[in-house]
Amino acid sequence: MGYSICMSENTQAEGGFRGDAEAIWRAAIAAVEPERLIRESVVREDNLVRIKGMTFDLAGFEKIFLVAFGKAAGAMSGALAEILGERLTSGLVVV
């Protein structure tokens, strides 16, 4: 999954700092492997979803919305969306 960074024109004008900041940001995301963390913590078997020892029966929910924000929101929400599959109604992700 790709990421993009938005910076103001002033920040972009500072030249090398933008590249350095982006490299640091990408290294931080890679170090924690957010997709792997979700896949290890969330397991779906039919209508049952287990998250860190808690079990949820998706049959009890008419709609399921995913809301995520933060540096790793894109990767983590992507992994969770794959796990939830057709049961996911919609979502909002702010990176």
PDB file of N, CA and C in Angstrom:
ATOM      1  N   MET A   1       0.848  -1.163   0.000  1.00  0.00           N
ATOM      2  CA  MET A   1       0.000   0.000   0.000  1.00  0.00           C
ATOM      3  C   MET A   1       0.893   1.224   0.000  1.00  0.00           C
ATOM      4  N   GLY A   2       0.587   2.205  -0.815  1.00  0.00           N
ATOM      5  CA  GLY A   2       1.407   3.398  -0.910  1.00  0.00           C
ATOM      6  C   GLY A   2       0.970   4.471   0.061  1.00  0.00           C
ATOM      7  N   TYR A   3       1.857   5.390   0.297  1.00  0.00           N
ATOM      8  CA  TYR A   3       1.585   6.503   1.186  1.00  0.00           C
ATOM      9  C   TYR A   3       1.946   7.780   0.462  1.00  0.00           C
ATOM     10  N   SER A   4       1.335   8.871   0.848  1.00  0.00           N
ATOM     11  CA  SER A   4       1.741  10.168   0.334  1.00  0.00           C
ATOM     12  C   SER A   4       1.818  11.127   1.509  1.00  0.00           C
ATOM     13  N   ILE A   5       2.680  12.106   1.366  1.00  0.00           N
ATOM     14  CA  ILE A   5       2.864  13.103   2.415  1.00  0.00           C
ATOM     15  C   ILE A   5       2.497  14.456   1.846  1.00  0.00           C
ATOM     16  N   CYS A   6       1.669  15.208   2.565  1.00  0.00           N
ATOM     17  CA  CYS A   6       1.308  16.560   2.149  1.00  0.00           C
ATOM     18  C   CYS A   6       2.058  17.544   3.030  1.00  0.00           C
ATOM     19  N   MET A   7       2.740  18.482   2.383  1.00  0.00           N
ATOM     20  CA  MET A   7       3.468  19.507   3.127  1.00  0.00           C
ATOM     21  C   MET A   7       3.167  20.858   2.500  1.00  0.00           C
ATOM     22  N   SER A   8       3.283  21.900   3.284  1.00  0.00           N
ATOM     23  CA  SER A   8       3.034  23.243   2.777  1.00  0.00           C
ATOM     24  C   SER A   8       4.126  23.646   1.799  1.00  0.00           C
ATOM     25  N   GLU A   9       3.852  24.699   1.019  1.00  0.00           N
ATOM     26  CA  GLU A   9       4.851  25.189   0.071  1.00  0.00           C
ATOM     27  C   GLU A   9       6.118  25.622   0.792  1.00  0.00           C
ATOM     28  N   ASN A  10       5.981  26.197   1.983  1.00  0.00           N
ATOM     29  CA  ASN A  10       7.156  26.630   2.743  1.00  0.00           C
ATOM     30  C   ASN A  10       8.045  25.449   3.089  1.00  0.00           C
ATOM     31  N   THR A  11       7.432  24.358   3.498  1.00  0.00           N
ATOM     32  CA  THR A  11       8.210  23.173   3.849  1.00  0.00           C
ATOM     33  C   THR A  11       8.890  22.609   2.618  1.00  0.00           C
ATOM     34  N   GLN A  12       8.168  22.573   1.501  1.00  0.00           N
ATOM     35  CA  GLN A  12       8.748  22.059   0.267  1.00  0.00           C
ATOM     36  C   GLN A  12       9.917  22.920  -0.182  1.00  0.00           C
ATOM     37  N   ALA A  13       9.823  24.206   0.050  1.00  0.00           N
ATOM     38  CA  ALA A  13      10.874  25.124  -0.380  1.00  0.00           C
ATOM     39  C   ALA A  13      12.163  24.931   0.405  1.00  0.00           C
ATOM     40  N   GLU A  14      12.090  24.264   1.533  1.00  0.00           N
ATOM     41  CA  GLU A  14      13.280  24.072   2.351  1.00  0.00           C
ATOM     42  C   GLU A  14      14.185  22.976   1.808  1.00  0.00           C
ATOM     43  N   GLY A  15      13.855  22.454   0.649  1.00  0.00           N
ATOM     44  CA  GLY A  15      14.741  21.530  -0.043  1.00  0.00           C
ATOM     45  C   GLY A  15      14.892  20.187   0.621  1.00  0.00           C
ATOM     46  N   GLY A  16      16.110  19.872   1.031  1.00  0.00           N
ATOM     47  CA  GLY A  16      16.468  18.557   1.543  1.00  0.00           C
ATOM     48  C   GLY A  16      15.708  18.116   2.774  1.00  0.00           C
ATOM     49  N   PHE A  17      15.184  19.052   3.541  1.00  0.00           N
ATOM     50  CA  PHE A  17      14.457  18.671   4.754  1.00  0.00           C
ATOM     51  C   PHE A  17      13.235  17.825   4.423  1.00  0.00           C
ATOM     52  N   ARG A  18      12.574  18.116   3.311  1.00  0.00           N
ATOM     53  CA  ARG A  18      11.389  17.352   2.927  1.00  0.00           C
ATOM     54  C   ARG A  18      11.775  15.898   2.675  1.00  0.00           C
ATOM     55  N   GLY A  19      12.837  15.690   1.933  1.00  0.00           N
ATOM     56  CA  GLY A  19      13.290  14.325   1.657  1.00  0.00           C
ATOM     57  C   GLY A  19      13.689  13.591   2.920  1.00  0.00           C
ATOM     58  N   ASP A  20      14.370  14.299   3.817  1.00  0.00           N
ATOM     59  CA  ASP A  20      14.778  13.691   5.085  1.00  0.00           C
ATOM     60  C   ASP A  20      13.560  13.316   5.926  1.00  0.00           C
ATOM     61  N   ALA A  21      12.597  14.240   6.003  1.00  0.00           N
ATOM     62  CA  ALA A  21      11.390  13.986   6.796  1.00  0.00           C
ATOM     63  C   ALA A  21      10.617  12.796   6.231  1.00  0.00           C
ATOM     64  N   GLU A  22      10.521  12.728   4.913  1.00  0.00           N
ATOM     65  CA  GLU A  22       9.802  11.616   4.298  1.00  0.00           C
ATOM     66  C   GLU A  22      10.516  10.291   4.549  1.00  0.00           C
ATOM     67  N   ALA A  23      11.836  10.298   4.480  1.00  0.00           N
ATOM     68  CA  ALA A  23      12.609   9.075   4.735  1.00  0.00           C
ATOM     69  C   ALA A  23      12.423   8.598   6.172  1.00  0.00           C
ATOM     70  N   ILE A  24      12.427   9.526   7.112  1.00  0.00           N
ATOM     71  CA  ILE A  24      12.226   9.185   8.526  1.00  0.00           C
ATOM     72  C   ILE A  24      10.822   8.620   8.728  1.00  0.00           C
ATOM     73  N   TRP A  25       9.836   9.270   8.126  1.00  0.00           N
ATOM     74  CA  TRP A  25       8.443   8.836   8.253  1.00  0.00           C
ATOM     75  C   TRP A  25       8.269   7.430   7.699  1.00  0.00           C
ATOM     76  N   ARG A  26       8.792   7.170   6.512  1.00  0.00           N
ATOM     77  CA  ARG A  26       8.662   5.845   5.891  1.00  0.00           C
ATOM     78  C   ARG A  26       9.376   4.771   6.726  1.00  0.00           C
ATOM     79  N   ALA A  27      10.532   5.113   7.282  1.00  0.00           N
ATOM     80  CA  ALA A  27      11.265   4.154   8.116  1.00  0.00           C
ATOM     81  C   ALA A  27      10.471   3.817   9.378  1.00  0.00           C
ATOM     82  N   ALA A  28       9.827   4.816   9.963  1.00  0.00           N
ATOM     83  CA  ALA A  28       9.031   4.584  11.174  1.00  0.00           C
ATOM     84  C   ALA A  28       7.852   3.661  10.882  1.00  0.00           C
ATOM     85  N   ILE A  29       7.169   3.888   9.773  1.00  0.00           N
ATOM     86  CA  ILE A  29       6.035   3.045   9.400  1.00  0.00           C
ATOM     87  C   ILE A  29       6.502   1.615   9.134  1.00  0.00           C
ATOM     88  N   ALA A  30       7.587   1.479   8.395  1.00  0.00           N
ATOM     89  CA  ALA A  30       8.105   0.145   8.073  1.00  0.00           C
ATOM     90  C   ALA A  30       8.528  -0.610   9.326  1.00  0.00           C
ATOM     91  N   ALA A  31       9.060   0.110  10.307  1.00  0.00           N
ATOM     92  CA  ALA A  31       9.564  -0.535  11.523  1.00  0.00           C
ATOM     93  C   ALA A  31       8.451  -1.209  12.320  1.00  0.00           C
ATOM     94  N   VAL A  32       7.268  -0.629  12.336  1.00  0.00           N
ATOM     95  CA  VAL A  32       6.183  -1.213  13.130  1.00  0.00           C
ATOM     96  C   VAL A  32       5.309  -2.163  12.320  1.00  0.00           C
ATOM     97  N   GLU A  33       5.456  -2.180  11.014  1.00  0.00           N
ATOM     98  CA  GLU A  33       4.682  -3.072  10.145  1.00  0.00           C
ATOM     99  C   GLU A  33       3.204  -3.101  10.538  1.00  0.00           C
ATOM    100  N   PRO A  34       2.500  -1.993  10.326  1.00  0.00           N
ATOM    101  CA  PRO A  34       1.110  -1.898  10.781  1.00  0.00           C
ATOM    102  C   PRO A  34       0.183  -2.962  10.206  1.00  0.00           C
ATOM    103  N   GLU A  35       0.377  -3.343   8.951  1.00  0.00           N
ATOM    104  CA  GLU A  35      -0.482  -4.380   8.370  1.00  0.00           C
ATOM    105  C   GLU A  35      -0.306  -5.705   9.104  1.00  0.00           C
ATOM    106  N   ARG A  36       0.940  -6.053   9.405  1.00  0.00           N
ATOM    107  CA  ARG A  36       1.218  -7.302  10.118  1.00  0.00           C
ATOM    108  C   ARG A  36       0.575  -7.279  11.501  1.00  0.00           C
ATOM    109  N   LEU A  37       0.651  -6.137  12.179  1.00  0.00           N
ATOM    110  CA  LEU A  37       0.059  -6.029  13.513  1.00  0.00           C
ATOM    111  C   LEU A  37      -1.443  -6.316  13.481  1.00  0.00           C
ATOM    112  N   ILE A  38      -2.124  -5.788  12.480  1.00  0.00           N
ATOM    113  CA  ILE A  38      -3.567  -6.030  12.365  1.00  0.00           C
ATOM    114  C   ILE A  38      -3.836  -7.497  12.061  1.00  0.00           C
ATOM    115  N   ARG A  39      -3.105  -8.051  11.109  1.00  0.00           N
ATOM    116  CA  ARG A  39      -3.335  -9.454  10.716  1.00  0.00           C
ATOM    117  C   ARG A  39      -3.061 -10.424  11.871  1.00  0.00           C
ATOM    118  N   GLU A  40      -2.140 -10.065  12.756  1.00  0.00           N
ATOM    119  CA  GLU A  40      -1.859 -10.911  13.922  1.00  0.00           C
ATOM    120  C   GLU A  40      -2.895 -10.736  15.022  1.00  0.00           C
ATOM    121  N   SER A  41      -3.551  -9.588  15.059  1.00  0.00           N
ATOM    122  CA  SER A  41      -4.479  -9.272  16.145  1.00  0.00           C
ATOM    123  C   SER A  41      -5.937  -9.539  15.813  1.00  0.00           C
ATOM    124  N   VAL A  42      -6.272  -9.587  14.523  1.00  0.00           N
ATOM    125  CA  VAL A  42      -7.670  -9.722  14.103  1.00  0.00           C
ATOM    126  C   VAL A  42      -7.824 -10.969  13.236  1.00  0.00           C
ATOM    127  N   VAL A  43      -8.735 -11.849  13.633  1.00  0.00           N
ATOM    128  CA  VAL A  43      -8.989 -13.084  12.885  1.00  0.00           C
ATOM    129  C   VAL A  43     -10.488 -13.186  12.630  1.00  0.00           C
ATOM    130  N   ARG A  44     -10.843 -13.476  11.379  1.00  0.00           N
ATOM    131  CA  ARG A  44     -12.263 -13.656  11.044  1.00  0.00           C
ATOM    132  C   ARG A  44     -12.509 -15.086  10.595  1.00  0.00           C
ATOM    133  N   GLU A  45     -13.548 -15.683  11.172  1.00  0.00           N
ATOM    134  CA  GLU A  45     -14.023 -17.000  10.764  1.00  0.00           C
ATOM    135  C   GLU A  45     -15.521 -16.876  10.547  1.00  0.00           C
ATOM    136  N   ASP A  46     -15.934 -16.838   9.293  1.00  0.00           N
ATOM    137  CA  ASP A  46     -17.332 -16.618   8.918  1.00  0.00           C
ATOM    138  C   ASP A  46     -17.820 -15.305   9.522  1.00  0.00           C
ATOM    139  N   ASN A  47     -18.828 -15.367  10.400  1.00  0.00           N
ATOM    140  CA  ASN A  47     -19.365 -14.150  11.004  1.00  0.00           C
ATOM    141  C   ASN A  47     -18.703 -13.783  12.326  1.00  0.00           C
ATOM    142  N   LEU A  48     -17.725 -14.556  12.768  1.00  0.00           N
ATOM    143  CA  LEU A  48     -17.055 -14.263  14.032  1.00  0.00           C
ATOM    144  C   LEU A  48     -15.719 -13.571  13.776  1.00  0.00           C
ATOM    145  N   VAL A  49     -15.493 -12.494  14.514  1.00  0.00           N
ATOM    146  CA  VAL A  49     -14.221 -11.769  14.437  1.00  0.00           C
ATOM    147  C   VAL A  49     -13.613 -11.754  15.827  1.00  0.00           C
ATOM    148  N   ARG A  50     -12.367 -12.203  15.929  1.00  0.00           N
ATOM    149  CA  ARG A  50     -11.643 -12.174  17.201  1.00  0.00           C
ATOM    150  C   ARG A  50     -10.581 -11.091  17.129  1.00  0.00           C
ATOM    151  N   ILE A  51     -10.629 -10.210  18.127  1.00  0.00           N
ATOM    152  CA  ILE A  51      -9.655  -9.126  18.226  1.00  0.00           C
ATOM    153  C   ILE A  51      -9.032  -9.200  19.608  1.00  0.00           C
ATOM    154  N   LYS A  52      -7.776  -9.622  19.655  1.00  0.00           N
ATOM    155  CA  LYS A  52      -7.043  -9.700  20.926  1.00  0.00           C
ATOM    156  C   LYS A  52      -7.846 -10.409  22.010  1.00  0.00           C
ATOM    157  N   GLY A  53      -8.408 -11.567  21.692  1.00  0.00           N
ATOM    158  CA  GLY A  53      -9.118 -12.364  22.686  1.00  0.00           C
ATOM    159  C   GLY A  53     -10.593 -12.050  22.853  1.00  0.00           C
ATOM    160  N   MET A  54     -11.073 -10.972  22.271  1.00  0.00           N
ATOM    161  CA  MET A  54     -12.496 -10.631  22.334  1.00  0.00           C
ATOM    162  C   MET A  54     -13.158 -11.111  21.050  1.00  0.00           C
ATOM    163  N   THR A  55     -14.344 -11.710  21.151  1.00  0.00           N
ATOM    164  CA  THR A  55     -15.044 -12.223  19.975  1.00  0.00           C
ATOM    165  C   THR A  55     -16.303 -11.407  19.712  1.00  0.00           C
ATOM    166  N   PHE A  56     -16.493 -11.053  18.439  1.00  0.00           N
ATOM    167  CA  PHE A  56     -17.661 -10.286  18.007  1.00  0.00           C
ATOM    168  C   PHE A  56     -18.381 -11.075  16.923  1.00  0.00           C
ATOM    169  N   ASP A  57     -19.701 -11.192  17.057  1.00  0.00           N
ATOM    170  CA  ASP A  57     -20.508 -11.864  16.043  1.00  0.00           C
ATOM    171  C   ASP A  57     -21.028 -10.802  15.080  1.00  0.00           C
ATOM    172  N   LEU A  58     -20.512 -10.807  13.854  1.00  0.00           N
ATOM    173  CA  LEU A  58     -20.886  -9.794  12.875  1.00  0.00           C
ATOM    174  C   LEU A  58     -22.356  -9.872  12.489  1.00  0.00           C
ATOM    175  N   ALA A  59     -22.983 -11.017  12.718  1.00  0.00           N
ATOM    176  CA  ALA A  59     -24.407 -11.165  12.415  1.00  0.00           C
ATOM    177  C   ALA A  59     -25.251 -10.196  13.245  1.00  0.00           C
ATOM    178  N   GLY A  60     -24.721  -9.750  14.367  1.00  0.00           N
ATOM    179  CA  GLY A  60     -25.437  -8.827  15.233  1.00  0.00           C
ATOM    180  C   GLY A  60     -25.323  -7.371  14.811  1.00  0.00           C
ATOM    181  N   PHE A  61     -24.624  -7.115  13.710  1.00  0.00           N
ATOM    182  CA  PHE A  61     -24.429  -5.749  13.241  1.00  0.00           C
ATOM    183  C   PHE A  61     -24.970  -5.609  11.826  1.00  0.00           C
ATOM    184  N   GLU A  62     -25.882  -4.660  11.645  1.00  0.00           N
ATOM    185  CA  GLU A  62     -26.443  -4.435  10.313  1.00  0.00           C
ATOM    186  C   GLU A  62     -25.413  -3.775   9.401  1.00  0.00           C
ATOM    187  N   LYS A  63     -24.695  -2.786   9.929  1.00  0.00           N
ATOM    188  CA  LYS A  63     -23.681  -2.063   9.157  1.00  0.00           C
ATOM    189  C   LYS A  63     -22.398  -1.973   9.969  1.00  0.00           C
ATOM    190  N   ILE A  64     -21.268  -2.030   9.278  1.00  0.00           N
ATOM    191  CA  ILE A  64     -19.968  -1.906   9.938  1.00  0.00           C
ATOM    192  C   ILE A  64     -19.189  -0.804   9.233  1.00  0.00           C
ATOM    193  N   PHE A  65     -18.785   0.205  10.000  1.00  0.00           N
ATOM    194  CA  PHE A  65     -18.022   1.331   9.469  1.00  0.00           C
ATOM    195  C   PHE A  65     -16.622   1.307  10.055  1.00  0.00           C
ATOM    196  N   LEU A  66     -15.647   1.622   9.248  1.00  0.00           N
ATOM    197  CA  LEU A  66     -14.258   1.672   9.686  1.00  0.00           C
ATOM    198  C   LEU A  66     -13.819   3.134   9.687  1.00  0.00           C
ATOM    199  N   VAL A  67     -13.339   3.619  10.819  1.00  0.00           N
ATOM    200  CA  VAL A  67     -12.828   4.980  10.930  1.00  0.00           C
ATOM    201  C   VAL A  67     -11.418   4.888  11.483  1.00  0.00           C
ATOM    202  N   ALA A  68     -10.468   5.512  10.773  1.00  0.00           N
ATOM    203  CA  ALA A  68      -9.071   5.444  11.207  1.00  0.00           C
ATOM    204  C   ALA A  68      -8.371   6.753  10.888  1.00  0.00           C
ATOM    205  N   PHE A  69      -7.428   7.132  11.761  1.00  0.00           N
ATOM    206  CA  PHE A  69      -6.623   8.313  11.473  1.00  0.00           C
ATOM    207  C   PHE A  69      -5.257   8.141  12.102  1.00  0.00           C
ATOM    208  N   GLY A  70      -4.261   8.751  11.492  1.00  0.00           N
ATOM    209  CA  GLY A  70      -2.898   8.673  12.005  1.00  0.00           C
ATOM    210  C   GLY A  70      -1.928   8.169  10.952  1.00  0.00           C
ATOM    211  N   LYS A  71      -0.661   8.149  11.321  1.00  0.00           N
ATOM    212  CA  LYS A  71       0.398   7.774  10.379  1.00  0.00           C
ATOM    213  C   LYS A  71       0.182   6.411   9.744  1.00  0.00           C
ATOM    214  N   ALA A  72      -0.245   5.455  10.519  1.00  0.00           N
ATOM    215  CA  ALA A  72      -0.376   4.082  10.021  1.00  0.00           C
ATOM    216  C   ALA A  72      -1.807   3.728   9.628  1.00  0.00           C
ATOM    217  N   ALA A  73      -2.685   4.717   9.607  1.00  0.00           N
ATOM    218  CA  ALA A  73      -4.103   4.451   9.340  1.00  0.00           C
ATOM    219  C   ALA A  73      -4.340   3.785   7.995  1.00  0.00           C
ATOM    220  N   GLY A  74      -3.615   4.190   6.983  1.00  0.00           N
ATOM    221  CA  GLY A  74      -3.810   3.613   5.654  1.00  0.00           C
ATOM    222  C   GLY A  74      -3.526   2.127   5.630  1.00  0.00           C
ATOM    223  N   ALA A  75      -2.373   1.749   6.134  1.00  0.00           N
ATOM    224  CA  ALA A  75      -1.978   0.339   6.133  1.00  0.00           C
ATOM    225  C   ALA A  75      -2.872  -0.493   7.049  1.00  0.00           C
ATOM    226  N   MET A  76      -3.145   0.029   8.235  1.00  0.00           N
ATOM    227  CA  MET A  76      -3.938  -0.739   9.190  1.00  0.00           C
ATOM    228  C   MET A  76      -5.379  -0.902   8.715  1.00  0.00           C
ATOM    229  N   SER A  77      -5.967   0.165   8.200  1.00  0.00           N
ATOM    230  CA  SER A  77      -7.352   0.071   7.741  1.00  0.00           C
ATOM    231  C   SER A  77      -7.455  -0.802   6.496  1.00  0.00           C
ATOM    232  N   GLY A  78      -6.428  -0.777   5.648  1.00  0.00           N
ATOM    233  CA  GLY A  78      -6.428  -1.650   4.476  1.00  0.00           C
ATOM    234  C   GLY A  78      -6.447  -3.115   4.868  1.00  0.00           C
ATOM    235  N   ALA A  79      -5.629  -3.466   5.851  1.00  0.00           N
ATOM    236  CA  ALA A  79      -5.591  -4.852   6.329  1.00  0.00           C
ATOM    237  C   ALA A  79      -6.922  -5.245   6.962  1.00  0.00           C
ATOM    238  N   LEU A  80      -7.487  -4.351   7.766  1.00  0.00           N
ATOM    239  CA  LEU A  80      -8.768  -4.653   8.412  1.00  0.00           C
ATOM    240  C   LEU A  80      -9.893  -4.751   7.383  1.00  0.00           C
ATOM    241  N   ALA A  81      -9.857  -3.900   6.366  1.00  0.00           N
ATOM    242  CA  ALA A  81     -10.874  -3.959   5.311  1.00  0.00           C
ATOM    243  C   ALA A  81     -10.822  -5.302   4.583  1.00  0.00           C
ATOM    244  N   GLU A  82      -9.628  -5.806   4.345  1.00  0.00           N
ATOM    245  CA  GLU A  82      -9.497  -7.121   3.705  1.00  0.00           C
ATOM    246  C   GLU A  82     -10.075  -8.220   4.592  1.00  0.00           C
ATOM    247  N   ILE A  83      -9.832  -8.120   5.883  1.00  0.00           N
ATOM    248  CA  ILE A  83     -10.338  -9.131   6.821  1.00  0.00           C
ATOM    249  C   ILE A  83     -11.863  -9.087   6.888  1.00  0.00           C
ATOM    250  N   LEU A  84     -12.424  -7.885   6.981  1.00  0.00           N
ATOM    251  CA  LEU A  84     -13.879  -7.752   7.087  1.00  0.00           C
ATOM    252  C   LEU A  84     -14.580  -8.044   5.763  1.00  0.00           C
ATOM    253  N   GLY A  85     -13.899  -7.805   4.669  1.00  0.00           N
ATOM    254  CA  GLY A  85     -14.444  -8.115   3.345  1.00  0.00           C
ATOM    255  C   GLY A  85     -15.791  -7.485   3.075  1.00  0.00           C
ATOM    256  N   GLU A  86     -16.724  -8.314   2.602  1.00  0.00           N
ATOM    257  CA  GLU A  86     -18.047  -7.832   2.197  1.00  0.00           C
ATOM    258  C   GLU A  86     -18.877  -7.312   3.363  1.00  0.00           C
ATOM    259  N   ARG A  87     -18.475  -7.589   4.591  1.00  0.00           N
ATOM    260  CA  ARG A  87     -19.232  -7.116   5.767  1.00  0.00           C
ATOM    261  C   ARG A  87     -18.976  -5.641   6.056  1.00  0.00           C
ATOM    262  N   LEU A  88     -17.916  -5.083   5.513  1.00  0.00           N
ATOM    263  CA  LEU A  88     -17.590  -3.673   5.727  1.00  0.00           C
ATOM    264  C   LEU A  88     -18.513  -2.808   4.874  1.00  0.00           C
ATOM    265  N   THR A  89     -19.243  -1.907   5.527  1.00  0.00           N
ATOM    266  CA  THR A  89     -20.186  -1.038   4.828  1.00  0.00           C
ATOM    267  C   THR A  89     -19.471   0.125   4.162  1.00  0.00           C
ATOM    268  N   SER A  90     -18.661   0.832   4.941  1.00  0.00           N
ATOM    269  CA  SER A  90     -17.968   2.012   4.434  1.00  0.00           C
ATOM    270  C   SER A  90     -16.916   2.420   5.447  1.00  0.00           C
ATOM    271  N   GLY A  91     -16.124   3.426   5.090  1.00  0.00           N
ATOM    272  CA  GLY A  91     -15.112   3.876   6.032  1.00  0.00           C
ATOM    273  C   GLY A  91     -14.556   5.238   5.697  1.00  0.00           C
ATOM    274  N   LEU A  92     -13.841   5.789   6.653  1.00  0.00           N
ATOM    275  CA  LEU A  92     -13.158   7.066   6.501  1.00  0.00           C
ATOM    276  C   LEU A  92     -11.763   6.891   7.072  1.00  0.00           C
ATOM    277  N   VAL A  93     -10.748   7.181   6.252  1.00  0.00           N
ATOM    278  CA  VAL A  93      -9.361   7.027   6.676  1.00  0.00           C
ATOM    279  C   VAL A  93      -8.633   8.338   6.427  1.00  0.00           C
ATOM    280  N   VAL A  94      -8.023   8.882   7.470  1.00  0.00           N
ATOM    281  CA  VAL A  94      -7.248  10.118   7.367  1.00  0.00           C
ATOM    282  C   VAL A  94      -5.819   9.800   7.749  1.00  0.00           C
ATOM    283  N   VAL A  95      -4.913   9.995   6.791  1.00  0.00           N
ATOM    284  CA  VAL A  95      -3.494   9.696   7.026  1.00  0.00           C
ATOM    285  C   VAL A  95      -2.737  10.998   7.160  1.00  0.00           C
TER     286      VAL A  95
END
